[in-house]
């Protein structure tokens, strides 16, 4: 099973200038809990947004740059290559972004773990693709209100591709 994991605003905004436009500590904890021990597939810009590779995860980076060779990851040049490589060692790889990688990965995905941030961000420059209700079924929803640590309310949403049910 391949899972996309993302946090997106009501207008599907993901971020601006290769960074999130919000800070939700509980969402970071959930991301860590779900992805630890797994292969994570991402684009080059997402990988470069981390101060260092995320611990206890195998990083697969998709880039068009043929000479890209950073430490701490495996480099591939297509979504298909990334998925094939991840599936050799992991029954549950995660696609973690950014926007173009989500769009490329969506046809290969069985499950979406989406944190819906209940706000809109007009300044964003990267967006999550639309979830087609004809293809996806919402199977779980867990709301979290705004509080002193979370400037926005948010909801964890789990979608499964309808063909799998």
Protein backbone atom coordinates (compact mmCIF):
# COMPACT_ATOMS: atom_id res chain seq x y z
CA UNK A 1 0.00 0.00 0.00
CA UNK A 2 1.29 3.43 -0.93
CA UNK A 3 0.16 6.35 1.20
CA UNK A 4 0.31 10.06 0.55
CA UNK A 5 0.72 12.06 3.74
CA UNK A 6 0.20 15.81 3.66
CA UNK A 7 -1.14 18.84 5.47
CA UNK A 8 -3.16 21.21 3.30
CA UNK A 9 -5.30 24.26 3.96
CA UNK A 10 -8.94 24.64 2.97
CA UNK A 11 -7.76 26.07 -0.38
CA UNK A 12 -5.31 23.12 -0.74
CA UNK A 13 -2.33 25.37 0.04
CA UNK A 14 0.73 23.41 1.12
CA UNK A 15 3.31 26.12 1.58
CA UNK A 16 5.30 29.04 0.28
CA UNK A 17 8.97 29.31 -0.63
CA UNK A 18 9.52 25.63 0.21
CA UNK A 19 8.18 25.95 3.75
CA UNK A 20 4.86 25.44 5.51
CA UNK A 21 2.82 28.55 6.24
CA UNK A 22 1.62 27.19 9.61
CA UNK A 23 3.06 25.35 12.61
CA UNK A 24 0.99 22.53 14.14
CA UNK A 25 3.06 20.53 16.66
CA UNK A 26 0.56 17.66 16.92
CA UNK A 27 0.57 17.24 13.14
CA UNK A 28 4.38 16.96 13.17
CA UNK A 29 4.10 14.27 15.86
CA UNK A 30 1.55 12.37 13.78
CA UNK A 31 3.75 12.62 10.67
CA UNK A 32 6.69 11.25 12.64
CA UNK A 33 4.63 8.42 14.18
CA UNK A 34 3.22 7.31 10.83
CA UNK A 35 6.39 7.55 8.72
CA UNK A 36 9.10 6.37 11.13
CA UNK A 37 10.59 3.09 9.97
CA UNK A 38 9.33 3.54 6.41
CA UNK A 39 10.56 4.73 3.03
CA UNK A 40 9.56 8.31 2.28
CA UNK A 41 9.36 9.56 -1.29
CA UNK A 42 9.79 13.27 -1.95
CA UNK A 43 10.94 15.83 -4.44
CA UNK A 44 14.32 17.49 -4.33
CA UNK A 45 12.99 20.78 -2.94
CA UNK A 46 11.19 19.00 -0.10
CA UNK A 47 14.38 17.08 0.76
CA UNK A 48 16.38 20.31 0.71
CA UNK A 49 13.87 21.97 3.06
CA UNK A 50 14.97 19.62 5.88
CA UNK A 51 17.96 20.70 7.97
CA UNK A 52 19.11 17.06 7.80
CA UNK A 53 17.55 13.75 6.74
CA UNK A 54 14.68 12.70 8.98
CA UNK A 55 15.79 10.01 11.43
CA UNK A 56 14.70 6.38 11.12
CA UNK A 57 13.34 6.74 7.59
CA UNK A 58 14.76 5.84 4.18
CA UNK A 59 14.70 8.88 1.92
CA UNK A 60 14.02 8.52 -1.81
CA UNK A 61 14.36 11.80 -3.70
CA UNK A 62 12.92 12.38 -7.17
CA UNK A 63 14.69 14.97 -9.30
CA UNK A 64 15.28 15.80 -12.95
CA UNK A 65 18.88 16.74 -12.10
CA UNK A 66 21.00 13.85 -13.37
CA UNK A 67 24.05 14.87 -11.29
CA UNK A 68 22.21 15.41 -7.98
CA UNK A 69 24.05 13.41 -5.27
CA UNK A 70 23.32 14.63 -1.73
CA UNK A 71 24.10 12.45 1.26
CA UNK A 72 21.43 10.70 3.27
CA UNK A 73 19.14 9.68 0.42
CA UNK A 74 18.73 7.65 -2.73
CA UNK A 75 18.13 9.65 -5.90
CA UNK A 76 15.79 8.55 -8.70
CA UNK A 77 14.37 10.37 -11.71
CA UNK A 78 10.74 9.23 -11.84
CA UNK A 79 7.84 8.39 -9.56
CA UNK A 80 7.74 4.88 -11.01
CA UNK A 81 11.40 4.30 -10.09
CA UNK A 82 10.82 5.69 -6.59
CA UNK A 83 7.85 3.41 -5.98
CA UNK A 84 9.61 0.34 -7.38
CA UNK A 85 12.63 0.97 -5.16
CA UNK A 86 10.54 1.63 -2.03
CA UNK A 87 8.35 -1.44 -2.53
CA UNK A 88 11.40 -3.75 -2.60
CA UNK A 89 11.92 -3.18 1.12
CA UNK A 90 8.74 -1.57 2.50
CA UNK A 91 5.12 -2.64 2.25
CA UNK A 92 4.00 0.86 3.36
CA UNK A 93 6.02 3.65 1.70
CA UNK A 94 4.85 7.24 2.06
CA UNK A 95 4.82 10.05 -0.50
CA UNK A 96 5.54 13.22 1.46
CA UNK A 97 5.61 16.01 -1.14
CA UNK A 98 5.81 18.56 -2.54
CA UNK A 99 2.94 19.60 -4.75
CA UNK A 100 4.20 18.16 -8.04
CA UNK A 101 5.24 14.92 -6.35
CA UNK A 102 1.77 14.57 -4.83
CA UNK A 103 0.24 15.09 -8.29
CA UNK A 104 2.55 12.47 -9.84
CA UNK A 105 2.02 10.04 -6.97
CA UNK A 106 -1.76 10.25 -6.71
CA UNK A 107 -2.49 7.68 -9.47
CA UNK A 108 -0.22 5.16 -7.66
CA UNK A 109 -1.65 5.79 -4.21
CA UNK A 110 -4.00 3.57 -2.22
CA UNK A 111 -4.48 5.81 0.81
CA UNK A 112 -4.26 9.50 1.72
CA UNK A 113 -3.52 10.72 5.24
CA UNK A 114 -4.43 14.39 5.01
CA UNK A 115 -4.35 16.98 7.75
CA UNK A 116 -6.87 19.61 6.67
CA UNK A 117 -5.85 22.96 8.18
CA UNK A 118 -8.99 25.03 8.67
CA UNK A 119 -7.76 28.26 7.10
CA UNK A 120 -6.90 29.54 3.62
CA UNK A 121 -3.53 30.95 2.64
CA UNK A 122 -3.57 33.22 -0.41
CA UNK A 123 0.19 33.71 -0.30
CA UNK A 124 0.92 30.01 -0.88
CA UNK A 125 2.80 28.94 -4.01
CA UNK A 126 2.39 25.14 -3.70
CA UNK A 127 -0.90 23.27 -3.61
CA UNK A 128 -2.24 19.77 -2.94
CA UNK A 129 -4.20 18.18 -5.80
CA UNK A 130 -7.99 17.98 -5.58
CA UNK A 131 -9.33 14.75 -4.06
CA UNK A 132 -11.96 13.37 -6.43
CA UNK A 133 -14.89 11.99 -4.37
CA UNK A 134 -15.66 9.59 -7.23
CA UNK A 135 -12.27 7.91 -6.63
CA UNK A 136 -11.76 8.37 -2.89
CA UNK A 137 -13.81 7.49 0.17
CA UNK A 138 -13.33 9.28 3.48
CA UNK A 139 -12.94 6.51 6.06
CA UNK A 140 -11.81 8.45 9.14
CA UNK A 141 -12.05 12.00 10.44
CA UNK A 142 -10.67 13.41 13.70
CA UNK A 143 -11.11 17.11 14.47
CA UNK A 144 -8.68 19.12 16.63
CA UNK A 145 -9.71 22.60 17.76
CA UNK A 146 -7.45 25.61 17.81
CA UNK A 147 -5.59 25.96 21.12
CA UNK A 148 -2.61 27.74 22.67
CA UNK A 149 -0.15 25.48 20.74
CA UNK A 150 -2.10 25.34 17.46
CA UNK A 151 -3.07 28.66 15.83
CA UNK A 152 -5.54 26.89 13.51
CA UNK A 153 -8.02 24.10 14.03
CA UNK A 154 -7.39 21.05 11.87
CA UNK A 155 -8.83 17.66 11.03
CA UNK A 156 -7.01 14.40 10.33
CA UNK A 157 -8.69 12.81 7.31
CA UNK A 158 -8.04 9.30 6.01
CA UNK A 159 -9.11 8.47 2.47
CA UNK A 160 -8.98 5.10 0.71
CA UNK A 161 -9.18 4.57 -3.03
CA UNK A 162 -12.65 3.19 -3.79
CA UNK A 163 -11.37 0.38 -6.08
CA UNK A 164 -9.68 -1.26 -3.10
CA UNK A 165 -12.82 -1.72 -1.06
